[in-house]
Amino acid sequence: MRAALSGFLALLLVVASTASAQVNRRSWISLDEAARHGLVRQFVTQIEIDRSGDQVAGLVLEGDMIFAQSNRGVVHALDAESGRTLWVRQIGRRGYANLPASANHEYLCVPRDTVLYIVGRRTGRVEREIDLMGAASGPTAMGDEWVYVPMTSGKVRAFHLLDPPDATWAYRGTGLTDSRPLVTSDQLLWNSLGGYVYACAATRPEIHYEVKTGGPLHVALAYRSPLVYAASDDRILYAIEESSGRIVWRLPIGEAPRHEAIVIGDDLYLVGRVDGIFAIDAVSGVVKWQMRQVREFISASADHLYVADGFGRTIVLDRASGAALDALATEALEMKYTNAQNDRLYLGRPSGLLCCFHEVGLPEPLVHRESSTPPETEADPFATGE
């Protein structure tokens, strides 16, 4: 661990020596510079926004498409591999409250103020407007036929994507929900600031169980069948059996999480607010390694992990050991988008610049999980046989 940390600090010194000049010279990484770090720059593009006052609020990656949202409600749909523009639309009125969208194979759902817009994924056409009868408190989540919306009232509301407006139901938990719900093959799960994890049927308000943790749950749940992972502000990571709600293991991590856990194969990565990234065995809950100074997860390939430090530099870690292998001066690309679906690195700026990179030898995305489908495993190692 000390050797890995020493190598990490040495890399930062090397990068820092040229970082200032690079930040002043340009806001992207050249083809030659990418190649020196074993990367291919897949594309550079500009997200269409009014740069006199608007900014990019975030990205949603779903399968082969990226949906970029602006603060004023512009949605720009791009091909995730080429960066080619597919459509650009103003969704809802400017000035309305803006929350992250969600997508499935057919639709994009965009919550704006008290209205939920159901938009054709490929066309950008608004197919339906749903009156939420209140304001959303967090990002939406989608299954094949339903969309789920956390509300400031404390409810999670469900709307059928195709049926009339009365095809809806709601469930009220304890405490507000400000993170994206989790949709599995047959369940809807969500957490709350009251410290609870709830599970109910995905198509009706039939509660299956609730699990109480020791602190508020600010970040979204993560999933690798048969376990659901809840990172709590009580500084504990909980692994919960999806089918029963039984807590399989608890892992004290010593700090509150910065964002939701990321599951890549058998590995679970959790970034804390202070002490860096933890690599954890997703089945047993054993910590494999820890690397300090990390602030964001960006993406993962078969052998490497791409993360950002507190200065905005992109650090390349060895997935097996956590050792720092390389560093890129990406301070000028302030927006690092978390990608748990595949190996692509998406880096950008609030002004709309967007770059995509991948490792040499990976012309096609290395998919970690299929879009709209949580990762599955062959068998449940925690089955009790009852």
Protein backbone atom coordinates (compact mmCIF):
# COMPACT_ATOMS: atom_id res chain seq x y z
CA MET A 1 0.00 0.00 0.00
CA ARG A 2 2.82 2.43 0.81
CA ALA A 3 4.51 1.63 -2.50
CA ALA A 4 1.27 2.29 -4.37
CA LEU A 5 0.81 5.61 -2.58
CA SER A 6 4.42 6.66 -3.25
CA GLY A 7 4.00 5.88 -6.92
CA PHE A 8 0.79 7.89 -6.97
CA LEU A 9 2.47 10.95 -5.44
CA ALA A 10 5.37 10.70 -7.89
CA LEU A 11 2.97 10.66 -10.80
CA LEU A 12 1.26 13.78 -9.49
CA LEU A 13 4.60 15.62 -9.37
CA VAL A 14 5.34 14.71 -12.98
CA VAL A 15 1.90 15.75 -14.16
CA ALA A 16 1.95 18.99 -12.17
CA SER A 17 5.14 20.14 -13.89
CA THR A 18 3.31 20.51 -17.23
CA ALA A 19 -0.31 20.82 -16.13
CA SER A 20 -0.41 24.62 -15.91
CA ALA A 21 0.78 25.13 -19.47
CA GLN A 22 -1.61 22.50 -20.81
CA VAL A 23 -4.61 24.02 -19.04
CA ASN A 24 -3.81 27.44 -20.52
CA ARG A 25 -3.14 26.08 -24.01
CA ARG A 26 -6.25 24.01 -24.63
CA SER A 27 -9.27 22.34 -23.09
CA TRP A 28 -8.85 18.88 -24.60
CA ILE A 29 -6.28 16.12 -25.03
CA SER A 30 -4.65 15.84 -28.46
CA LEU A 31 -4.49 12.59 -30.42
CA ASP A 32 -0.74 12.32 -29.83
CA GLU A 33 -1.02 13.00 -26.11
CA ALA A 34 -3.78 10.41 -25.77
CA ALA A 35 -1.62 7.86 -27.60
CA ARG A 36 1.28 8.47 -25.21
CA HIS A 37 -1.02 7.35 -22.40
CA GLY A 38 -2.27 4.27 -24.27
CA LEU A 39 -5.58 5.90 -25.22
CA VAL A 40 -7.46 6.63 -28.42
CA ARG A 41 -9.47 9.84 -28.61
CA GLN A 42 -12.74 8.56 -30.01
CA PHE A 43 -14.34 11.96 -30.59
CA VAL A 44 -14.48 15.61 -29.58
CA THR A 45 -17.79 17.41 -29.98
CA GLN A 46 -19.72 20.43 -28.75
CA ILE A 47 -23.02 20.03 -26.95
CA GLU A 48 -25.51 22.54 -28.29
CA ILE A 49 -26.40 25.04 -25.57
CA ASP A 50 -26.75 28.81 -25.30
CA ARG A 51 -23.25 29.56 -24.05
CA SER A 52 -24.19 33.12 -23.13
CA GLY A 53 -25.78 31.82 -19.95
CA ASP A 54 -26.53 28.10 -20.11
CA GLN A 55 -24.31 25.22 -18.97
CA VAL A 56 -24.29 21.44 -19.21
CA ALA A 57 -25.89 19.99 -16.10
CA GLY A 58 -25.08 16.33 -16.71
CA LEU A 59 -25.04 13.32 -19.01
CA VAL A 60 -27.13 10.17 -19.15
CA LEU A 61 -25.48 7.23 -20.94
CA GLU A 62 -27.91 4.53 -21.99
CA GLY A 63 -26.74 1.88 -24.43
CA ASP A 64 -25.60 3.45 -27.69
CA MET A 65 -26.82 6.97 -26.87
CA ILE A 66 -25.80 9.89 -24.67
CA PHE A 67 -28.32 12.46 -23.49
CA ALA A 68 -26.76 15.75 -22.39
CA GLN A 69 -28.97 18.03 -20.30
CA SER A 70 -28.48 21.75 -19.84
CA ASN A 71 -29.55 23.86 -16.88
CA ARG A 72 -32.22 25.52 -19.02
CA GLY A 73 -33.78 22.27 -20.20
CA VAL A 74 -32.09 21.65 -23.55
CA VAL A 75 -31.52 17.95 -24.24
CA HIS A 76 -28.89 17.02 -26.83
CA ALA A 77 -28.92 13.36 -27.94
CA LEU A 78 -25.68 11.97 -29.37
CA ASP A 79 -24.34 8.69 -30.64
CA ALA A 80 -22.21 7.39 -27.76
CA GLU A 81 -19.41 6.10 -30.03
CA SER A 82 -19.12 8.77 -32.74
CA GLY A 83 -20.41 11.86 -30.93
CA ARG A 84 -22.75 12.50 -33.87
CA THR A 85 -25.79 14.64 -33.06
CA LEU A 86 -29.06 12.71 -33.29
CA TRP A 87 -31.42 15.44 -32.11
CA VAL A 88 -31.60 18.56 -29.93
CA ARG A 89 -34.77 19.71 -28.14
CA GLN A 90 -35.88 22.22 -25.54
CA ILE A 91 -37.88 20.11 -23.06
CA GLY A 92 -40.27 22.19 -20.97
CA ARG A 93 -39.95 25.89 -20.30
CA ARG A 94 -36.69 27.60 -19.47
CA GLY A 95 -36.26 28.42 -15.82
CA TYR A 96 -38.02 25.30 -14.54
CA ALA A 97 -36.26 23.10 -11.99
CA ASN A 98 -34.08 20.53 -13.71
CA LEU A 99 -33.33 16.98 -12.52
CA PRO A 100 -31.38 14.16 -14.21
CA ALA A 101 -33.30 12.24 -16.86
CA SER A 102 -33.55 8.46 -17.23
CA ALA A 103 -33.86 6.28 -20.32
CA ASN A 104 -34.77 2.80 -21.45
CA HIS A 105 -34.68 1.17 -24.88
CA GLU A 106 -37.57 3.28 -26.18
CA TYR A 107 -38.11 6.43 -24.11
CA LEU A 108 -36.33 9.23 -22.28
CA CYS A 109 -38.05 10.62 -19.17
CA VAL A 110 -37.24 14.23 -18.24
CA PRO A 111 -38.63 15.74 -14.99
CA ARG A 112 -38.99 19.53 -15.15
CA ASP A 113 -40.63 21.31 -12.22
CA THR A 114 -43.97 19.49 -11.68
CA VAL A 115 -44.18 17.89 -15.13
CA LEU A 116 -42.66 14.63 -16.37
CA TYR A 117 -41.96 14.59 -20.11
CA ILE A 118 -41.97 11.23 -21.90
CA VAL A 119 -39.77 11.68 -24.97
CA GLY A 120 -39.09 9.31 -27.86
CA ARG A 121 -35.52 8.10 -27.44
CA ARG A 122 -34.71 8.10 -31.16
CA THR A 123 -36.84 11.04 -32.30
CA GLY A 124 -36.75 13.58 -29.45
CA ARG A 125 -40.51 14.02 -29.84
CA VAL A 126 -42.50 14.61 -26.65
CA GLU A 127 -44.95 11.71 -26.57
CA ARG A 128 -46.67 12.54 -23.31
CA GLU A 129 -46.68 15.07 -20.46
CA ILE A 130 -47.56 13.83 -16.97
CA ASP A 131 -48.66 16.15 -14.19
CA LEU A 132 -46.72 14.98 -11.13
CA MET A 133 -49.03 16.88 -8.76
CA GLY A 134 -45.93 18.03 -6.92
CA ALA A 135 -42.20 18.39 -7.39
CA ALA A 136 -39.71 15.59 -7.92
CA SER A 137 -37.01 15.29 -5.25
CA GLY A 138 -34.50 13.18 -7.17
CA PRO A 139 -33.69 11.51 -10.50
CA THR A 140 -36.23 9.18 -12.07
CA ALA A 141 -35.70 5.49 -12.86
CA MET A 142 -37.20 3.41 -15.66
CA GLY A 143 -38.15 -0.17 -16.34
CA ASP A 144 -39.51 -1.45 -19.64
CA GLU A 145 -43.04 -0.15 -19.01
CA TRP A 146 -42.93 2.00 -15.87
CA VAL A 147 -41.17 5.17 -14.74
CA TYR A 148 -40.58 5.88 -11.04
CA VAL A 149 -40.36 9.38 -9.60
CA PRO A 150 -39.22 10.31 -6.04
CA MET A 151 -41.33 13.20 -4.76
CA THR A 152 -40.74 15.98 -2.23
CA SER A 153 -43.82 14.67 -0.40
CA GLY A 154 -41.80 11.57 0.57
CA LYS A 155 -43.63 9.34 -1.89
CA VAL A 156 -42.20 7.40 -4.80
CA ARG A 157 -44.75 7.56 -7.63
CA ALA A 158 -44.98 5.09 -10.51
CA PHE A 159 -46.47 5.89 -13.92
CA HIS A 160 -47.11 3.51 -16.76
CA LEU A 161 -45.37 4.76 -19.88
CA LEU A 162 -48.21 3.91 -22.28
CA ASP A 163 -51.47 3.63 -20.35
CA PRO A 164 -53.74 6.57 -19.40
CA PRO A 165 -52.76 8.91 -16.54
CA ASP A 166 -54.81 6.93 -13.99
CA ALA A 167 -52.41 3.96 -14.44
CA THR A 168 -50.34 5.07 -11.49
CA TRP A 169 -49.56 4.19 -7.88
CA ALA A 170 -47.45 5.54 -5.03
CA TYR A 171 -45.78 4.44 -1.83
CA ARG A 172 -44.70 6.69 1.03
CA GLY A 173 -41.62 5.78 3.07
CA THR A 174 -39.90 7.44 6.00
CA GLY A 175 -37.88 10.42 4.84
CA LEU A 176 -37.21 12.10 1.52
CA THR A 177 -35.55 10.29 -1.39
CA ASP A 178 -33.05 12.35 -3.38
CA SER A 179 -31.23 9.61 -5.32
CA ARG A 180 -32.23 7.45 -8.28
CA PRO A 181 -34.34 4.36 -7.46
CA LEU A 182 -33.13 0.92 -8.54
CA VAL A 183 -35.15 -1.27 -10.91
CA THR A 184 -34.37 -5.00 -11.04
CA SER A 185 -36.14 -7.71 -13.03
CA ASP A 186 -39.20 -7.73 -10.76
CA GLN A 187 -38.63 -5.21 -7.96
CA LEU A 188 -38.34 -1.50 -7.33
CA LEU A 189 -35.91 -0.53 -4.57
CA TRP A 190 -35.08 2.90 -3.18
CA ASN A 191 -33.49 4.48 -0.15
CA SER A 192 -34.32 7.49 1.98
CA LEU A 193 -32.75 10.18 4.09
CA GLY A 194 -34.54 8.49 6.97
CA GLY A 195 -32.04 5.64 6.63
CA TYR A 196 -34.36 3.01 5.13
CA VAL A 197 -34.09 0.77 2.08
CA TYR A 198 -37.47 -0.19 0.63
CA ALA A 199 -38.37 -2.94 -1.83
CA CYS A 200 -41.71 -3.41 -3.53
CA ALA A 201 -43.16 -5.05 -6.62
CA ALA A 202 -42.18 -3.21 -9.78
CA THR A 203 -45.74 -3.00 -11.10
CA ARG A 204 -47.86 -2.42 -7.99
CA PRO A 205 -47.54 -0.91 -4.48
CA GLU A 206 -46.92 -4.25 -2.80
CA ILE A 207 -44.19 -3.69 -0.24
CA HIS A 208 -41.83 -6.64 0.15
CA TYR A 209 -39.62 -5.37 2.96
CA GLU A 210 -37.89 -2.39 4.50
CA VAL A 211 -34.38 -2.36 5.97
CA LYS A 212 -33.22 0.19 8.53
CA THR A 213 -29.62 1.36 8.41
CA GLY A 214 -27.82 3.51 10.94
CA GLY A 215 -27.81 6.81 9.05
CA PRO A 216 -29.22 8.83 6.14
CA LEU A 217 -28.86 7.31 2.66
CA HIS A 218 -27.86 10.09 0.26
CA VAL A 219 -26.42 8.04 -2.61
CA ALA A 220 -28.18 5.62 -4.93
CA LEU A 221 -28.27 1.88 -4.37
CA ALA A 222 -25.98 -0.42 -6.36
CA TYR A 223 -26.81 -3.93 -7.53
CA ARG A 224 -25.20 -7.22 -8.40
CA SER A 225 -27.60 -10.13 -8.16
CA PRO A 226 -28.36 -11.36 -5.55
CA LEU A 227 -27.16 -8.37 -3.50
CA VAL A 228 -28.19 -4.74 -3.20
CA TYR A 229 -25.57 -2.36 -1.78
CA ALA A 230 -26.49 0.63 0.38
CA ALA A 231 -23.74 3.08 1.40
CA SER A 232 -24.93 4.97 4.47
CA ASP A 233 -23.85 8.15 6.16
CA ASP A 234 -23.28 6.00 9.25
CA ARG A 235 -20.01 5.07 7.44
CA ILE A 236 -21.09 1.51 6.80
CA LEU A 237 -21.67 -0.27 3.49
CA TYR A 238 -24.58 -2.72 3.74
CA ALA A 239 -25.00 -5.75 1.46
CA ILE A 240 -28.67 -6.74 1.42
CA GLU A 241 -30.13 -9.88 -0.10
CA GLU A 242 -32.51 -8.62 -2.76
CA SER A 243 -35.09 -11.39 -2.38
CA SER A 244 -35.51 -11.22 1.40
CA GLY A 245 -34.08 -7.96 2.74
CA ARG A 246 -31.64 -9.87 4.95
CA ILE A 247 -28.40 -8.02 5.67
CA VAL A 248 -25.68 -10.40 4.45
CA TRP A 249 -22.72 -8.33 5.59
CA ARG A 250 -21.76 -4.90 6.88
CA LEU A 251 -18.48 -3.21 6.02
CA PRO A 252 -17.31 -0.22 8.11
CA ILE A 253 -15.58 2.16 5.70
CA GLY A 254 -14.77 4.96 8.13
CA GLU A 255 -16.46 7.75 6.19
CA ALA A 256 -19.63 8.71 4.35
CA PRO A 257 -19.80 7.93 0.61
CA ARG A 258 -19.23 10.56 -2.08
CA HIS A 259 -21.40 8.77 -4.64
CA GLU A 260 -23.03 5.36 -5.13
CA ALA A 261 -20.97 2.21 -5.29
CA ILE A 262 -19.93 1.00 -8.75
CA VAL A 263 -20.06 -2.74 -9.51
CA ILE A 264 -17.75 -4.04 -12.26
CA GLY A 265 -17.79 -7.84 -12.45
CA ASP A 266 -16.87 -9.22 -9.01
CA ASP A 267 -15.46 -5.88 -7.84
CA LEU A 268 -17.27 -3.10 -6.06
CA TYR A 269 -15.73 0.39 -5.96
CA LEU A 270 -16.78 2.98 -3.40
CA VAL A 271 -15.44 6.54 -3.23
CA GLY A 272 -15.57 8.16 0.19
CA ARG A 273 -15.91 11.86 0.89
CA VAL A 274 -12.43 12.08 2.41
CA ASP A 275 -10.30 8.96 2.18
CA GLY A 276 -10.29 7.91 -1.45
CA ILE A 277 -11.53 4.81 -3.24
CA PHE A 278 -12.08 1.33 -1.80
CA ALA A 279 -11.94 -1.81 -3.95
CA ILE A 280 -14.18 -4.42 -2.35
CA ASP A 281 -15.04 -8.03 -3.17
CA ALA A 282 -18.70 -7.74 -4.16
CA VAL A 283 -19.57 -11.18 -2.76
CA SER A 284 -17.67 -11.34 0.53
CA GLY A 285 -17.31 -7.67 1.41
CA VAL A 286 -13.53 -8.00 1.89
CA VAL A 287 -11.53 -4.85 1.09
CA LYS A 288 -8.94 -5.66 -1.58
CA TRP A 289 -7.16 -2.31 -1.55
CA GLN A 290 -7.62 1.38 -0.89
CA MET A 291 -6.16 4.38 -2.71
CA ARG A 292 -6.26 7.80 -1.07
CA GLN A 293 -6.58 11.15 -2.90
CA VAL A 294 -9.28 9.80 -5.28
CA ARG A 295 -12.44 11.90 -5.62
CA GLU A 296 -14.31 10.43 -8.61
CA PHE A 297 -14.75 7.16 -10.47
CA ILE A 298 -14.64 7.65 -14.26
CA SER A 299 -14.55 4.21 -15.91
CA ALA A 300 -12.89 0.79 -15.95
CA SER A 301 -11.34 -1.49 -18.54
CA ALA A 302 -10.40 -5.13 -18.02
CA ASP A 303 -7.15 -4.25 -16.24
CA HIS A 304 -7.33 -0.55 -15.41
CA LEU A 305 -9.41 1.83 -13.34
CA TYR A 306 -9.71 5.49 -14.36
CA VAL A 307 -10.37 7.89 -11.51
CA ALA A 308 -9.98 11.62 -10.79
CA ASP A 309 -8.12 13.21 -7.91
CA GLY A 310 -9.06 16.40 -6.08
CA PHE A 311 -7.19 18.55 -8.62
CA GLY A 312 -9.08 17.15 -11.62
CA ARG A 313 -6.25 14.94 -12.90
CA THR A 314 -7.17 11.53 -14.33
CA ILE A 315 -5.24 8.74 -12.59
CA VAL A 316 -4.86 5.25 -14.05
CA LEU A 317 -4.89 2.50 -11.41
CA ASP A 318 -4.18 -1.19 -11.68
CA ARG A 319 -7.48 -2.94 -10.95
CA ALA A 320 -5.82 -5.87 -9.22
CA SER A 321 -3.57 -3.97 -6.81
CA GLY A 322 -4.68 -0.34 -6.82
CA ALA A 323 -1.18 0.79 -7.83
CA ALA A 324 -1.00 4.11 -9.69
CA LEU A 325 0.30 3.51 -13.23
CA ASP A 326 -0.18 6.78 -15.07
CA ALA A 327 -1.68 10.26 -14.79
CA LEU A 328 -3.23 12.64 -17.32
CA ALA A 329 -3.48 16.41 -16.98
CA THR A 330 -7.26 16.78 -17.37
CA GLU A 331 -7.82 19.71 -15.01
CA ALA A 332 -9.36 21.77 -17.83
CA LEU A 333 -11.96 19.06 -18.43
CA GLU A 334 -13.77 19.73 -15.16
CA MET A 335 -16.68 17.36 -15.77
CA LYS A 336 -15.80 13.70 -15.38
CA TYR A 337 -18.81 11.51 -16.07
CA THR A 338 -19.16 8.28 -14.12
CA ASN A 339 -19.54 5.39 -16.56
CA ALA A 340 -20.36 2.00 -15.06
CA GLN A 341 -21.81 0.57 -18.30
CA ASN A 342 -18.61 0.18 -20.32
CA ASP A 343 -14.95 1.18 -20.61
CA ARG A 344 -15.37 4.57 -22.35
CA LEU A 345 -14.07 7.72 -20.64
CA TYR A 346 -16.30 10.78 -21.07
CA LEU A 347 -14.72 14.09 -20.05
CA GLY A 348 -16.04 17.57 -20.70
CA ARG A 349 -16.63 21.14 -19.70
CA PRO A 350 -19.76 22.97 -18.47
CA SER A 351 -19.58 25.09 -21.66
CA GLY A 352 -20.46 21.99 -23.71
CA LEU A 353 -17.16 20.49 -24.84
CA LEU A 354 -17.33 16.67 -24.68
CA CYS A 355 -14.48 14.20 -25.34
CA CYS A 356 -14.55 10.42 -25.44
CA PHE A 357 -11.51 8.13 -25.00
CA HIS A 358 -10.85 4.41 -24.89
CA GLU A 359 -7.80 2.20 -24.52
CA VAL A 360 -5.79 1.17 -27.56
CA GLY A 361 -7.07 -2.17 -28.84
CA LEU A 362 -10.69 -1.63 -27.75
CA PRO A 363 -12.46 -0.28 -30.87
CA GLU A 364 -15.75 -1.71 -29.57
CA PRO A 365 -16.99 -0.88 -26.05
CA LEU A 366 -16.11 -3.37 -23.34
CA VAL A 367 -19.56 -3.76 -21.80
CA HIS A 368 -19.74 -4.25 -18.03
CA ARG A 369 -23.51 -4.39 -17.89
CA GLU A 370 -26.22 -4.21 -20.51
CA SER A 371 -28.17 -0.98 -20.64
CA SER A 372 -31.51 -0.98 -18.79
CA THR A 373 -30.62 -4.38 -17.32
CA PRO A 374 -28.90 -4.86 -13.94
CA PRO A 375 -26.00 -7.36 -13.96
CA GLU A 376 -26.90 -10.95 -13.17
CA THR A 377 -24.95 -13.92 -11.82
CA GLU A 378 -25.55 -17.61 -12.30
CA ALA A 379 -26.49 -18.56 -8.75
CA ASP A 380 -27.21 -17.08 -5.34
CA PRO A 381 -24.28 -17.97 -3.05
CA PHE A 382 -26.28 -16.73 -0.04
CA ALA A 383 -29.32 -18.96 -0.60
CA THR A 384 -30.42 -20.55 2.66
CA GLY A 385 -32.26 -23.44 1.06
CA GLU A 386 -35.41 -22.68 2.98
